[in-house]
Protein backbone atom coordinates (compact mmCIF):
# COMPACT_ATOMS: atom_id res chain seq x y z
CA MET A 1 -13.94 43.18 334.28
CA SER A 2 -15.96 44.53 337.14
CA LEU A 3 -16.26 48.20 337.92
CA ALA A 4 -14.43 47.84 341.26
CA LEU A 5 -11.48 46.15 339.58
CA ASP A 6 -11.34 48.87 336.90
CA ARG A 7 -11.25 51.55 339.63
CA GLU A 8 -8.46 49.78 341.49
CA ILE A 9 -6.40 49.38 338.31
CA GLY A 10 -6.91 53.06 337.50
CA ARG A 11 -5.86 54.08 341.00
CA ARG A 12 -2.70 51.99 340.77
CA ILE A 13 -1.82 53.57 337.42
CA ARG A 14 -2.33 57.07 338.88
CA HIS A 15 -0.28 56.14 341.94
CA ARG A 16 2.59 54.85 339.81
CA ARG A 17 2.53 58.06 337.77
CA LEU A 18 2.52 60.15 340.95
CA ARG A 19 5.38 58.15 342.50
CA LYS A 20 7.67 59.10 339.62
CA LYS A 21 7.69 62.65 340.99
CA VAL A 22 7.17 62.20 344.75
CA ILE A 23 10.26 60.96 346.59
CA GLY A 24 10.74 60.89 350.35
CA MET A 25 14.11 62.03 351.68
CA PRO A 26 15.43 61.65 355.23
CA GLU A 27 14.90 65.38 355.91
CA ARG A 28 11.50 65.37 354.15
CA PRO A 29 9.88 61.90 354.26
CA ARG A 30 6.92 60.83 352.15
CA LEU A 31 3.54 60.75 353.91
CA CYS A 32 1.64 58.09 351.98
CA VAL A 33 -2.06 57.30 352.35
CA PHE A 34 -4.05 54.13 351.74
CA ARG A 35 -7.81 54.34 351.91
CA SER A 36 -10.02 51.31 352.40
CA HIS A 37 -13.77 51.29 352.87
CA GLN A 38 -13.58 51.11 356.65
CA HIS A 39 -10.18 52.52 357.55
CA LEU A 40 -7.44 54.95 356.60
CA TYR A 41 -3.74 54.05 356.79
CA VAL A 42 -0.83 56.51 356.82
CA GLN A 43 2.92 55.88 356.70
CA LEU A 44 6.03 58.05 356.85
CA VAL A 45 8.55 56.59 354.40
CA ASP A 46 12.19 57.40 353.69
CA ASP A 47 12.63 56.26 350.09
CA VAL A 48 16.40 56.78 350.05
CA SER A 49 17.01 54.11 352.69
CA GLY A 50 13.84 52.22 351.78
CA LYS A 51 12.45 52.24 355.31
CA THR A 52 9.11 53.03 356.87
CA LEU A 53 9.69 55.47 359.72
CA HIS A 54 6.27 55.18 361.31
CA GLY A 55 2.75 54.05 360.50
CA TRP A 56 -0.71 54.96 361.77
CA SER A 57 -4.27 53.90 361.03
CA THR A 58 -7.79 54.54 362.19
CA LYS A 59 -7.55 51.18 363.99
CA ASP A 60 -5.37 52.86 366.64
CA GLU A 61 -6.68 52.66 370.21
CA ARG A 62 -6.14 56.41 370.76
CA LEU A 63 -8.60 57.22 367.96
CA LYS A 64 -11.41 55.12 369.36
CA GLN A 65 -12.12 57.84 371.94
CA LEU A 66 -11.79 60.71 369.43
CA ALA A 67 -13.87 59.27 366.61
CA ARG A 68 -16.65 57.37 368.34
CA ALA A 69 -18.55 57.00 365.09
CA ARG A 70 -17.33 54.93 362.16
CA THR A 71 -13.66 54.92 361.27
CA GLY A 72 -14.12 55.42 357.53
CA ASN A 73 -15.38 59.00 357.57
CA VAL A 74 -13.99 62.54 357.40
CA GLU A 75 -14.17 62.98 361.19
CA ALA A 76 -11.92 59.97 361.74
CA ALA A 77 -9.53 61.24 359.04
CA LYS A 78 -9.20 64.58 360.85
CA ALA A 79 -8.51 62.79 364.14
CA LEU A 80 -5.88 60.62 362.44
CA GLY A 81 -4.30 63.75 360.94
CA THR A 82 -3.90 65.36 364.35
CA LEU A 83 -2.38 62.12 365.69
CA VAL A 84 0.09 62.05 362.78
CA ALA A 85 1.01 65.72 363.33
CA GLN A 86 1.67 65.11 367.04
CA ALA A 87 3.89 62.12 366.31
CA CYS A 88 5.80 64.06 363.65
CA ALA A 89 6.38 66.90 366.12
CA GLU A 90 7.77 64.40 368.66
CA ARG A 91 10.16 63.04 366.03
CA GLY A 92 11.21 66.53 364.92
CA ILE A 93 9.71 66.24 361.44
CA THR A 94 8.41 69.60 360.24
CA ARG A 95 8.17 68.90 356.50
CA ALA A 96 6.85 65.96 354.50
CA VAL A 97 5.87 65.17 350.92
CA PHE A 98 2.21 64.17 350.61
CA ASP A 99 1.54 61.03 348.56
CA ARG A 100 -2.21 60.75 348.06
CA GLY A 101 -1.85 57.22 346.71
CA GLY A 102 -3.69 57.81 343.45
CA TYR A 103 -6.86 58.90 345.26
CA LEU A 104 -8.59 62.19 344.52
CA TYR A 105 -7.63 65.03 346.85
CA HIS A 106 -11.13 65.11 348.23
CA GLY A 107 -13.05 63.92 351.28
CA ARG A 108 -11.04 61.79 353.72
CA VAL A 109 -7.71 62.32 351.96
CA LYS A 110 -8.14 66.10 351.98
CA ALA A 111 -9.31 66.13 355.62
CA LEU A 112 -6.24 64.12 356.64
CA ALA A 113 -3.83 66.44 354.81
CA GLU A 114 -5.45 69.57 356.24
CA ALA A 115 -5.35 68.19 359.78
CA VAL A 116 -1.65 67.36 359.44
CA ARG A 117 -1.00 70.89 358.15
CA ALA A 118 -2.99 72.36 361.04
CA GLY A 119 -0.76 70.37 363.40
CA GLY A 120 2.32 72.20 362.13
CA VAL A 121 3.75 69.88 359.48
CA GLN A 122 4.33 71.32 356.02
CA VAL A 123 2.69 68.85 353.64
């Protein structure tokens, strides 16, 4: 197997292990992250009803002005985190469970989580 495939399989195993413990409730939804090479995707999920409440990504038009550089960097992750925090405040969500998706809590994932926390959401 190739190295990239091994990494993806390892990430999926870590994510499955993490998902045993992290459950999104209606009062505290799960904030899950998917990281690709070029973009970052975030969703608010209520696992009890099995519905996605809202989703964001670095492909959003509002982020093109904030992160003029590439969309797969820490700066874009911070901008996405502030956008997520604003949308959560509009919906009245003050607490969420952070699901890092099997990725290390480092770099873009960490910048996103810290920006959401700075926006007033307990993650």
